[in-house]
Amino acid sequence: MKTIIIAVIVTLITLSAQAQNTEWSITKSSVKFKIKNAGFNVDGSLGSLTGVIKFEETKTIGNNIDVTIDSKTLSTNNNKRDEHLRKAEYFDVAKYPKINMKAVLFTKEKDGTYKGFFKLILKDKTKDVVIPFTFKSTGITGIFKGTFTINRLDYGVGESSFILNDFATIIIELIVIKK
């Protein structure tokens, strides 16, 4: 009987250890966006991305990405435009200093890419977004790359306009290292 109990305990410990997904620290991040304004592409960026990443390439269960971006770091390399975008009409960074992305589900595609199903919280609005992404690992380090599109009006960022496109493309790259 003792042998059976010990075997069960060892099995449970082994399964528990295998179920834990790798935790990664973000060493460098890049969050860029593109939107058409008056027919021209405007490129911008957001910095200071922090958060928790638990991700295992071979699993979709137990993976977790929960990151926050400091909205005050918004930059289009045009100070006057940046000040305007930080005001209440657009990002309202005084009232909403953080943008949050939290994964609720992952799928692995046949081509080796992934889809992350996220809750994106921008201003006071929470919307579902699907982010196709890649993850390349060297064992100790890794790179996440993903691109997706959002409708800025869904988040109350500005109003409908003939000059400013409703849709913005977001490009995210995270360089990570195993904890």
N, C-alpha and C. Protein backbone atom coordinates (compact mmCIF):
# COMPACT_ATOMS: atom_id res chain seq x y z
N MET A 1 0.82 -1.19 0.00
CA MET A 1 0.00 0.00 0.00
C MET A 1 0.87 1.26 0.00
N LYS A 2 1.94 1.25 0.82
CA LYS A 2 2.84 2.40 0.86
C LYS A 2 3.44 2.67 -0.51
N THR A 3 3.78 1.61 -1.23
CA THR A 3 4.38 1.73 -2.55
C THR A 3 3.43 2.43 -3.51
N ILE A 4 2.15 2.09 -3.44
CA ILE A 4 1.15 2.71 -4.31
C ILE A 4 1.00 4.19 -3.98
N ILE A 5 0.94 4.53 -2.69
CA ILE A 5 0.81 5.92 -2.27
C ILE A 5 2.03 6.72 -2.72
N ILE A 6 3.21 6.18 -2.54
CA ILE A 6 4.44 6.87 -2.96
C ILE A 6 4.44 7.05 -4.47
N ALA A 7 4.02 6.05 -5.22
CA ALA A 7 3.96 6.14 -6.68
C ALA A 7 2.99 7.23 -7.12
N VAL A 8 1.83 7.31 -6.45
CA VAL A 8 0.85 8.34 -6.77
C VAL A 8 1.41 9.73 -6.48
N ILE A 9 2.06 9.90 -5.33
CA ILE A 9 2.65 11.20 -4.97
C ILE A 9 3.72 11.60 -5.96
N VAL A 10 4.60 10.69 -6.32
CA VAL A 10 5.66 10.99 -7.30
C VAL A 10 5.04 11.38 -8.64
N THR A 11 4.01 10.67 -9.07
CA THR A 11 3.33 10.99 -10.33
C THR A 11 2.71 12.38 -10.28
N LEU A 12 2.04 12.71 -9.18
CA LEU A 12 1.42 14.03 -9.05
C LEU A 12 2.46 15.14 -9.06
N ILE A 13 3.56 14.93 -8.37
CA ILE A 13 4.64 15.94 -8.36
C ILE A 13 5.20 16.11 -9.76
N THR A 14 5.41 15.02 -10.47
CA THR A 14 5.94 15.08 -11.84
C THR A 14 4.98 15.81 -12.76
N LEU A 15 3.69 15.48 -12.69
CA LEU A 15 2.69 16.15 -13.52
C LEU A 15 2.59 17.62 -13.19
N SER A 16 2.67 17.96 -11.91
CA SER A 16 2.63 19.35 -11.49
C SER A 16 3.80 20.13 -12.06
N ALA A 17 4.97 19.56 -12.02
CA ALA A 17 6.16 20.23 -12.56
C ALA A 17 6.05 20.39 -14.06
N GLN A 18 5.50 19.39 -14.75
CA GLN A 18 5.36 19.48 -16.20
C GLN A 18 4.30 20.49 -16.59
N ALA A 19 3.29 20.71 -15.75
CA ALA A 19 2.20 21.61 -16.07
C ALA A 19 2.60 23.08 -15.97
N GLN A 20 3.68 23.37 -15.27
CA GLN A 20 4.10 24.75 -15.11
C GLN A 20 4.71 25.25 -16.40
N ASN A 21 4.25 26.41 -16.84
CA ASN A 21 4.78 26.99 -18.06
C ASN A 21 5.94 27.91 -17.73
N THR A 22 6.82 28.06 -18.68
CA THR A 22 8.02 28.87 -18.49
C THR A 22 7.64 30.33 -18.26
N GLU A 23 8.24 30.93 -17.25
CA GLU A 23 8.03 32.35 -16.99
C GLU A 23 9.16 33.13 -17.62
N TRP A 24 8.80 34.20 -18.32
CA TRP A 24 9.76 35.01 -19.07
C TRP A 24 9.77 36.44 -18.52
N SER A 25 10.95 37.05 -18.51
CA SER A 25 11.09 38.47 -18.17
C SER A 25 11.26 39.25 -19.46
N ILE A 26 10.60 40.38 -19.55
CA ILE A 26 10.72 41.24 -20.73
C ILE A 26 12.01 42.04 -20.60
N THR A 27 12.92 41.88 -21.56
CA THR A 27 14.18 42.63 -21.53
C THR A 27 14.12 43.85 -22.45
N LYS A 28 13.30 43.77 -23.49
CA LYS A 28 13.15 44.89 -24.43
C LYS A 28 11.78 44.76 -25.09
N SER A 29 11.12 45.90 -25.27
CA SER A 29 9.81 45.86 -25.92
C SER A 29 9.70 46.98 -26.94
N SER A 30 8.90 46.72 -27.95
CA SER A 30 8.61 47.71 -28.97
C SER A 30 7.12 47.62 -29.28
N VAL A 31 6.41 48.72 -29.07
CA VAL A 31 5.00 48.80 -29.42
C VAL A 31 4.86 49.97 -30.37
N LYS A 32 4.56 49.66 -31.62
CA LYS A 32 4.44 50.70 -32.65
C LYS A 32 3.03 50.68 -33.21
N PHE A 33 2.62 51.83 -33.75
CA PHE A 33 1.32 51.88 -34.41
C PHE A 33 1.42 52.69 -35.69
N LYS A 34 0.50 52.39 -36.61
CA LYS A 34 0.40 53.12 -37.87
C LYS A 34 -1.07 53.45 -38.08
N ILE A 35 -1.31 54.69 -38.52
CA ILE A 35 -2.67 55.11 -38.84
C ILE A 35 -2.58 56.16 -39.95
N LYS A 36 -3.54 56.13 -40.85
CA LYS A 36 -3.57 57.12 -41.93
C LYS A 36 -4.22 58.40 -41.42
N ASN A 37 -3.56 59.53 -41.71
CA ASN A 37 -4.07 60.84 -41.35
C ASN A 37 -3.85 61.74 -42.57
N ALA A 38 -4.93 62.27 -43.11
CA ALA A 38 -4.87 63.12 -44.31
C ALA A 38 -4.17 62.39 -45.46
N GLY A 39 -4.39 61.08 -45.56
CA GLY A 39 -3.83 60.30 -46.65
C GLY A 39 -2.41 59.81 -46.44
N PHE A 40 -1.78 60.22 -45.37
CA PHE A 40 -0.40 59.83 -45.09
C PHE A 40 -0.36 58.89 -43.88
N ASN A 41 0.58 57.95 -43.90
CA ASN A 41 0.78 57.09 -42.73
C ASN A 41 1.47 57.87 -41.63
N VAL A 42 0.90 57.82 -40.44
CA VAL A 42 1.54 58.40 -39.26
C VAL A 42 2.02 57.21 -38.43
N ASP A 43 3.31 57.20 -38.14
CA ASP A 43 3.90 56.15 -37.31
C ASP A 43 4.07 56.68 -35.90
N GLY A 44 3.82 55.82 -34.94
CA GLY A 44 4.01 56.20 -33.55
C GLY A 44 4.45 55.01 -32.73
N SER A 45 4.72 55.30 -31.47
CA SER A 45 5.16 54.23 -30.57
C SER A 45 4.66 54.49 -29.16
N LEU A 46 4.68 53.43 -28.38
CA LEU A 46 4.38 53.48 -26.95
C LEU A 46 5.49 52.71 -26.26
N GLY A 47 5.97 53.22 -25.15
CA GLY A 47 7.07 52.57 -24.45
C GLY A 47 6.64 52.04 -23.11
N SER A 48 7.60 51.62 -22.34
CA SER A 48 7.40 51.19 -20.96
C SER A 48 6.37 50.07 -20.82
N LEU A 49 6.58 48.98 -21.55
CA LEU A 49 5.71 47.81 -21.44
C LEU A 49 6.25 46.90 -20.34
N THR A 50 5.38 46.54 -19.41
CA THR A 50 5.76 45.64 -18.31
C THR A 50 4.68 44.58 -18.16
N GLY A 51 5.01 43.50 -17.47
CA GLY A 51 3.99 42.51 -17.22
C GLY A 51 4.50 41.13 -16.96
N VAL A 52 3.56 40.19 -17.00
CA VAL A 52 3.83 38.78 -16.71
C VAL A 52 3.65 37.99 -17.99
N ILE A 53 4.65 37.15 -18.29
CA ILE A 53 4.54 36.25 -19.44
C ILE A 53 4.89 34.85 -18.97
N LYS A 54 3.94 33.96 -19.10
CA LYS A 54 4.16 32.52 -18.86
C LYS A 54 3.76 31.84 -20.16
N PHE A 55 4.75 31.27 -20.83
CA PHE A 55 4.48 30.74 -22.16
C PHE A 55 5.37 29.54 -22.45
N GLU A 56 4.75 28.51 -22.94
CA GLU A 56 5.44 27.28 -23.34
C GLU A 56 5.01 26.98 -24.77
N GLU A 57 5.99 26.86 -25.67
CA GLU A 57 5.69 26.66 -27.10
C GLU A 57 4.84 25.43 -27.38
N THR A 58 5.02 24.39 -26.61
CA THR A 58 4.35 23.12 -26.88
C THR A 58 2.96 23.04 -26.26
N LYS A 59 2.55 24.08 -25.53
CA LYS A 59 1.27 24.04 -24.83
C LYS A 59 0.43 25.25 -25.19
N THR A 60 -0.86 25.11 -25.08
CA THR A 60 -1.74 26.27 -25.15
C THR A 60 -2.46 26.46 -23.82
N ILE A 61 -2.54 25.42 -23.03
CA ILE A 61 -3.16 25.50 -21.70
C ILE A 61 -2.12 26.01 -20.70
N GLY A 62 -2.52 26.95 -19.86
CA GLY A 62 -1.63 27.45 -18.82
C GLY A 62 -0.77 28.63 -19.24
N ASN A 63 -0.75 28.94 -20.54
CA ASN A 63 0.00 30.12 -20.98
C ASN A 63 -0.73 31.38 -20.53
N ASN A 64 0.04 32.42 -20.24
CA ASN A 64 -0.55 33.66 -19.77
C ASN A 64 0.32 34.83 -20.20
N ILE A 65 -0.31 35.82 -20.78
CA ILE A 65 0.36 37.09 -21.06
C ILE A 65 -0.55 38.18 -20.51
N ASP A 66 -0.01 38.99 -19.62
CA ASP A 66 -0.75 40.10 -19.02
C ASP A 66 0.22 41.27 -18.93
N VAL A 67 0.08 42.22 -19.87
CA VAL A 67 1.04 43.32 -19.95
C VAL A 67 0.33 44.67 -19.87
N THR A 68 1.08 45.65 -19.40
CA THR A 68 0.59 47.01 -19.26
C THR A 68 1.56 47.95 -19.95
N ILE A 69 0.98 48.95 -20.62
CA ILE A 69 1.77 49.95 -21.33
C ILE A 69 1.44 51.31 -20.73
N ASP A 70 2.45 52.11 -20.51
CA ASP A 70 2.28 53.47 -20.00
C ASP A 70 1.84 54.36 -21.15
N SER A 71 0.57 54.81 -21.14
CA SER A 71 0.04 55.60 -22.26
C SER A 71 0.70 56.97 -22.37
N LYS A 72 1.31 57.45 -21.30
CA LYS A 72 2.00 58.75 -21.34
C LYS A 72 3.23 58.71 -22.23
N THR A 73 3.70 57.51 -22.59
CA THR A 73 4.90 57.38 -23.42
C THR A 73 4.58 57.47 -24.91
N LEU A 74 3.32 57.73 -25.26
CA LEU A 74 2.92 57.84 -26.66
C LEU A 74 3.78 58.87 -27.38
N SER A 75 4.30 58.49 -28.55
CA SER A 75 5.15 59.39 -29.33
C SER A 75 4.95 59.16 -30.82
N THR A 76 4.81 60.27 -31.56
CA THR A 76 4.78 60.23 -33.02
C THR A 76 5.95 61.05 -33.58
N ASN A 77 6.88 61.41 -32.71
CA ASN A 77 8.03 62.27 -33.07
C ASN A 77 7.59 63.65 -33.54
N ASN A 78 6.44 64.10 -33.03
CA ASN A 78 5.94 65.44 -33.30
C ASN A 78 5.31 65.92 -31.99
N ASN A 79 6.04 66.75 -31.25
CA ASN A 79 5.62 67.14 -29.90
C ASN A 79 4.22 67.74 -29.85
N LYS A 80 3.89 68.60 -30.81
CA LYS A 80 2.58 69.24 -30.80
C LYS A 80 1.47 68.20 -30.99
N ARG A 81 1.67 67.29 -31.94
CA ARG A 81 0.68 66.23 -32.17
C ARG A 81 0.60 65.31 -30.95
N ASP A 82 1.75 64.97 -30.36
CA ASP A 82 1.76 64.09 -29.18
C ASP A 82 0.98 64.70 -28.02
N GLU A 83 1.16 65.99 -27.78
CA GLU A 83 0.41 66.68 -26.71
C GLU A 83 -1.08 66.59 -26.98
N HIS A 84 -1.46 66.79 -28.25
CA HIS A 84 -2.87 66.73 -28.64
C HIS A 84 -3.43 65.31 -28.42
N LEU A 85 -2.68 64.30 -28.81
CA LEU A 85 -3.14 62.91 -28.66
C LEU A 85 -3.24 62.48 -27.19
N ARG A 86 -2.48 63.10 -26.32
CA ARG A 86 -2.52 62.75 -24.89
C ARG A 86 -3.71 63.38 -24.17
N LYS A 87 -4.38 64.33 -24.80
CA LYS A 87 -5.51 65.02 -24.18
C LYS A 87 -6.76 64.14 -24.15
N ALA A 88 -7.79 64.64 -23.44
CA ALA A 88 -9.02 63.87 -23.19
C ALA A 88 -9.70 63.37 -24.47
N GLU A 89 -9.65 64.13 -25.54
CA GLU A 89 -10.33 63.75 -26.78
C GLU A 89 -9.78 62.44 -27.36
N TYR A 90 -8.51 62.19 -27.12
CA TYR A 90 -7.90 60.99 -27.68
C TYR A 90 -7.56 59.98 -26.57
N PHE A 91 -6.34 59.97 -26.08
CA PHE A 91 -5.94 58.94 -25.11
C PHE A 91 -6.22 59.30 -23.66
N ASP A 92 -6.43 60.57 -23.36
CA ASP A 92 -6.73 61.04 -22.00
C ASP A 92 -5.79 60.40 -20.98
N VAL A 93 -4.50 60.62 -21.18
CA VAL A 93 -3.48 59.95 -20.36
C VAL A 93 -3.52 60.38 -18.89
N ALA A 94 -4.05 61.56 -18.61
CA ALA A 94 -4.15 61.98 -17.21
C ALA A 94 -5.15 61.09 -16.46
N LYS A 95 -6.25 60.75 -17.11
CA LYS A 95 -7.28 59.92 -16.49
C LYS A 95 -7.01 58.43 -16.67
N TYR A 96 -6.42 58.06 -17.80
CA TYR A 96 -6.16 56.65 -18.13
C TYR A 96 -4.68 56.46 -18.45
N PRO A 97 -3.84 56.40 -17.44
CA PRO A 97 -2.38 56.33 -17.68
C PRO A 97 -1.88 54.97 -18.17
N LYS A 98 -2.72 53.95 -18.14
CA LYS A 98 -2.28 52.60 -18.51
C LYS A 98 -3.19 51.99 -19.58
N ILE A 99 -2.57 51.22 -20.45
CA ILE A 99 -3.26 50.37 -21.42
C ILE A 99 -2.92 48.94 -21.02
N ASN A 100 -3.93 48.08 -20.94
CA ASN A 100 -3.68 46.71 -20.49
C ASN A 100 -4.11 45.69 -21.54
N MET A 101 -3.32 44.64 -21.68
CA MET A 101 -3.65 43.52 -22.56
C MET A 101 -3.50 42.24 -21.75
N LYS A 102 -4.59 41.49 -21.67
CA LYS A 102 -4.57 40.24 -20.90
C LYS A 102 -5.11 39.11 -21.77
N ALA A 103 -4.30 38.07 -21.91
CA ALA A 103 -4.69 36.91 -22.73
C ALA A 103 -5.73 36.08 -22.00
N VAL A 104 -6.70 35.58 -22.75
CA VAL A 104 -7.69 34.67 -22.19
C VAL A 104 -7.59 33.28 -22.80
N LEU A 105 -6.93 33.17 -23.96
CA LEU A 105 -6.82 31.88 -24.65
C LEU A 105 -5.73 31.96 -25.71
N PHE A 106 -5.07 30.83 -25.95
CA PHE A 106 -4.08 30.72 -27.03
C PHE A 106 -4.41 29.51 -27.89
N THR A 107 -4.14 29.64 -29.18
CA THR A 107 -4.20 28.48 -30.07
C THR A 107 -2.91 28.43 -30.86
N LYS A 108 -2.51 27.23 -31.21
CA LYS A 108 -1.33 27.06 -32.06
C LYS A 108 -1.83 26.67 -33.45
N GLU A 109 -1.39 27.40 -34.45
CA GLU A 109 -1.83 27.17 -35.82
C GLU A 109 -0.96 26.12 -36.49
N LYS A 110 -1.43 25.58 -37.60
CA LYS A 110 -0.71 24.52 -38.31
C LYS A 110 0.65 24.98 -38.82
N ASP A 111 0.77 26.28 -39.14
CA ASP A 111 2.04 26.79 -39.67
C ASP A 111 3.05 27.14 -38.57
N GLY A 112 2.71 26.82 -37.32
CA GLY A 112 3.64 27.07 -36.21
C GLY A 112 3.46 28.43 -35.55
N THR A 113 2.56 29.25 -36.09
CA THR A 113 2.27 30.53 -35.46
C THR A 113 1.21 30.30 -34.38
N TYR A 114 0.91 31.36 -33.66
CA TYR A 114 -0.06 31.29 -32.58
C TYR A 114 -1.11 32.38 -32.78
N LYS A 115 -2.24 32.20 -32.10
CA LYS A 115 -3.23 33.25 -31.98
C LYS A 115 -3.48 33.44 -30.49
N GLY A 116 -3.40 34.69 -30.07
CA GLY A 116 -3.72 35.03 -28.70
C GLY A 116 -5.05 35.77 -28.68
N PHE A 117 -5.93 35.36 -27.83
CA PHE A 117 -7.23 36.02 -27.67
C PHE A 117 -7.12 36.86 -26.40
N PHE A 118 -7.16 38.17 -26.59
CA PHE A 118 -6.86 39.11 -25.51
C PHE A 118 -8.06 39.99 -25.19
N LYS A 119 -8.05 40.49 -23.96
CA LYS A 119 -8.90 41.60 -23.55
C LYS A 119 -7.99 42.82 -23.60
N LEU A 120 -8.33 43.78 -24.44
CA LEU A 120 -7.56 45.02 -24.54
C LEU A 120 -8.35 46.11 -23.84
N ILE A 121 -7.73 46.72 -22.82
CA ILE A 121 -8.38 47.79 -22.07
C ILE A 121 -7.66 49.09 -22.40
N LEU A 122 -8.39 49.96 -23.07
CA LEU A 122 -7.87 51.26 -23.49
C LEU A 122 -8.90 52.30 -23.09
N LYS A 123 -8.45 53.29 -22.32
CA LYS A 123 -9.36 54.23 -21.68
C LYS A 123 -10.28 53.41 -20.78
N ASP A 124 -11.57 53.60 -20.87
CA ASP A 124 -12.46 52.83 -20.00
C ASP A 124 -13.18 51.72 -20.76
N LYS A 125 -12.64 51.36 -21.91
CA LYS A 125 -13.28 50.37 -22.78
C LYS A 125 -12.48 49.07 -22.81
N THR A 126 -13.18 47.95 -22.69
CA THR A 126 -12.56 46.63 -22.80
C THR A 126 -13.14 45.93 -24.02
N LYS A 127 -12.29 45.53 -24.93
CA LYS A 127 -12.71 44.85 -26.15
C LYS A 127 -11.86 43.60 -26.35
N ASP A 128 -12.44 42.62 -27.04
CA ASP A 128 -11.71 41.42 -27.41
C ASP A 128 -10.91 41.68 -28.68
N VAL A 129 -9.65 41.27 -28.67
CA VAL A 129 -8.82 41.34 -29.88
C VAL A 129 -8.11 40.01 -30.07
N VAL A 130 -7.93 39.64 -31.32
CA VAL A 130 -7.19 38.44 -31.66
C VAL A 130 -5.86 38.90 -32.24
N ILE A 131 -4.78 38.40 -31.65
CA ILE A 131 -3.44 38.80 -32.09
C ILE A 131 -2.70 37.58 -32.63
N PRO A 132 -2.53 37.50 -33.96
CA PRO A 132 -1.67 36.46 -34.50
C PRO A 132 -0.23 36.81 -34.16
N PHE A 133 0.56 35.83 -33.71
CA PHE A 133 1.94 36.14 -33.35
C PHE A 133 2.85 34.95 -33.57
N THR A 134 4.13 35.25 -33.57
CA THR A 134 5.15 34.21 -33.64
C THR A 134 5.95 34.25 -32.35
N PHE A 135 6.53 33.12 -32.02
CA PHE A 135 7.45 33.06 -30.88
C PHE A 135 8.63 32.21 -31.31
N LYS A 136 9.81 32.80 -31.25
CA LYS A 136 11.05 32.10 -31.57
C LYS A 136 11.89 32.05 -30.31
N SER A 137 12.32 30.85 -29.94
CA SER A 137 13.10 30.68 -28.72
C SER A 137 14.46 30.08 -29.04
N THR A 138 15.47 30.58 -28.32
CA THR A 138 16.80 29.98 -28.41
C THR A 138 17.05 29.08 -27.21
N GLY A 139 16.04 28.92 -26.38
CA GLY A 139 16.16 28.13 -25.16
C GLY A 139 16.16 29.03 -23.94
N ILE A 140 17.06 30.00 -23.92
CA ILE A 140 17.15 30.93 -22.78
C ILE A 140 16.43 32.24 -23.09
N THR A 141 16.49 32.66 -24.35
CA THR A 141 15.83 33.90 -24.75
C THR A 141 14.77 33.60 -25.79
N GLY A 142 13.92 34.58 -26.03
CA GLY A 142 12.88 34.40 -27.04
C GLY A 142 12.39 35.74 -27.55
N ILE A 143 11.69 35.69 -28.68
CA ILE A 143 11.13 36.89 -29.29
C ILE A 143 9.68 36.62 -29.67
N PHE A 144 8.78 37.45 -29.15
CA PHE A 144 7.38 37.45 -29.55
C PHE A 144 7.20 38.58 -30.56
N LYS A 145 6.50 38.30 -31.68
CA LYS A 145 6.18 39.33 -32.67
C LYS A 145 4.73 39.15 -33.08
N GLY A 146 3.97 40.24 -33.00
CA GLY A 146 2.56 40.17 -33.38
C GLY A 146 2.09 41.47 -33.99
N THR A 147 1.11 41.37 -34.87
CA THR A 147 0.51 42.54 -35.52
C THR A 147 -1.00 42.35 -35.54
N PHE A 148 -1.72 43.43 -35.22
CA PHE A 148 -3.17 43.37 -35.25
C PHE A 148 -3.72 44.77 -35.50
N THR A 149 -5.01 44.84 -35.78
CA THR A 149 -5.66 46.10 -36.09
C THR A 149 -6.80 46.34 -35.10
N ILE A 150 -6.93 47.59 -34.68
CA ILE A 150 -8.06 47.96 -33.83
C ILE A 150 -8.79 49.15 -34.46
N ASN A 151 -10.05 49.28 -34.10
CA ASN A 151 -10.82 50.45 -34.47
C ASN A 151 -10.74 51.42 -33.30
N ARG A 152 -10.10 52.55 -33.50
CA ARG A 152 -9.89 53.51 -32.42
C ARG A 152 -11.20 54.01 -31.83
N LEU A 153 -12.26 54.04 -32.66
CA LEU A 153 -13.56 54.53 -32.18
C LEU A 153 -14.17 53.58 -31.15
N ASP A 154 -13.83 52.29 -31.23
CA ASP A 154 -14.31 51.32 -30.23
C ASP A 154 -13.84 51.67 -28.82
N TYR A 155 -12.75 52.42 -28.74
CA TYR A 155 -12.14 52.76 -27.45
C TYR A 155 -12.33 54.23 -27.09
N GLY A 156 -13.11 54.95 -27.89
CA GLY A 156 -13.33 56.36 -27.61
C GLY A 156 -12.10 57.22 -27.84
N VAL A 157 -11.25 56.81 -28.79
CA VAL A 157 -10.05 57.57 -29.12
C VAL A 157 -10.38 58.45 -30.32
N GLY A 158 -10.72 59.70 -30.04
CA GLY A 158 -11.13 60.63 -31.09
C GLY A 158 -12.55 60.34 -31.54
N GLU A 159 -12.96 61.10 -32.55
CA GLU A 159 -14.29 60.94 -33.13
C GLU A 159 -14.16 60.55 -34.59
N SER A 160 -15.27 60.16 -35.19
CA SER A 160 -15.26 59.81 -36.61
C SER A 160 -14.79 61.01 -37.42
N SER A 161 -13.96 60.74 -38.42
CA SER A 161 -13.34 61.83 -39.17
C SER A 161 -13.05 61.38 -40.60
N PHE A 162 -13.19 62.32 -41.54
CA PHE A 162 -12.81 62.03 -42.93
C PHE A 162 -11.30 62.08 -43.09
N ILE A 163 -10.63 62.76 -42.19
CA ILE A 163 -9.18 62.94 -42.30
C ILE A 163 -8.42 61.80 -41.62
N LEU A 164 -8.85 61.42 -40.42
CA LEU A 164 -8.15 60.39 -39.64
C LEU A 164 -8.86 59.05 -39.78
N ASN A 165 -8.13 58.04 -40.23
CA ASN A 165 -8.69 56.70 -40.41
C ASN A 165 -9.16 56.15 -39.06
N ASP A 166 -10.20 55.34 -39.10
CA ASP A 166 -10.72 54.72 -37.88
C ASP A 166 -9.82 53.58 -37.38
N PHE A 167 -9.09 52.95 -38.30
CA PHE A 167 -8.32 51.75 -37.97
C PHE A 167 -6.83 52.04 -37.83
N ALA A 168 -6.26 51.50 -36.77
CA ALA A 168 -4.82 51.62 -36.52
C ALA A 168 -4.24 50.21 -36.47
N THR A 169 -3.06 50.07 -37.05
CA THR A 169 -2.33 48.80 -37.00
C THR A 169 -1.32 48.88 -35.86
N ILE A 170 -1.30 47.86 -35.03
CA ILE A 170 -0.40 47.79 -33.88
C ILE A 170 0.61 46.68 -34.13
N ILE A 171 1.89 47.01 -33.93
CA ILE A 171 2.97 46.04 -34.11
C ILE A 171 3.72 45.92 -32.79
N ILE A 172 3.75 44.70 -32.24
CA ILE A 172 4.40 44.48 -30.94
C ILE A 172 5.55 43.49 -31.10
N GLU A 173 6.67 43.83 -30.49
CA GLU A 173 7.81 42.90 -30.43
C GLU A 173 8.33 42.90 -29.00
N LEU A 174 8.46 41.71 -28.43
CA LEU A 174 8.98 41.56 -27.07
C LEU A 174 10.17 40.63 -27.09
N ILE A 175 11.26 41.09 -26.54
CA ILE A 175 12.43 40.23 -26.36
C ILE A 175 12.43 39.82 -24.90
N VAL A 176 12.50 38.51 -24.68
CA VAL A 176 12.34 37.97 -23.32
C VAL A 176 13.48 37.03 -22.97
N ILE A 177 13.65 36.83 -21.66
CA ILE A 177 14.64 35.89 -21.16
C ILE A 177 13.97 35.05 -20.07
N LYS A 178 14.34 33.78 -20.00
CA LYS A 178 13.76 32.90 -18.98
C LYS A 178 14.12 33.39 -17.59
N LYS A 179 13.15 33.33 -16.69
CA LYS A 179 13.40 33.69 -15.28
C LYS A 179 14.09 32.55 -14.59
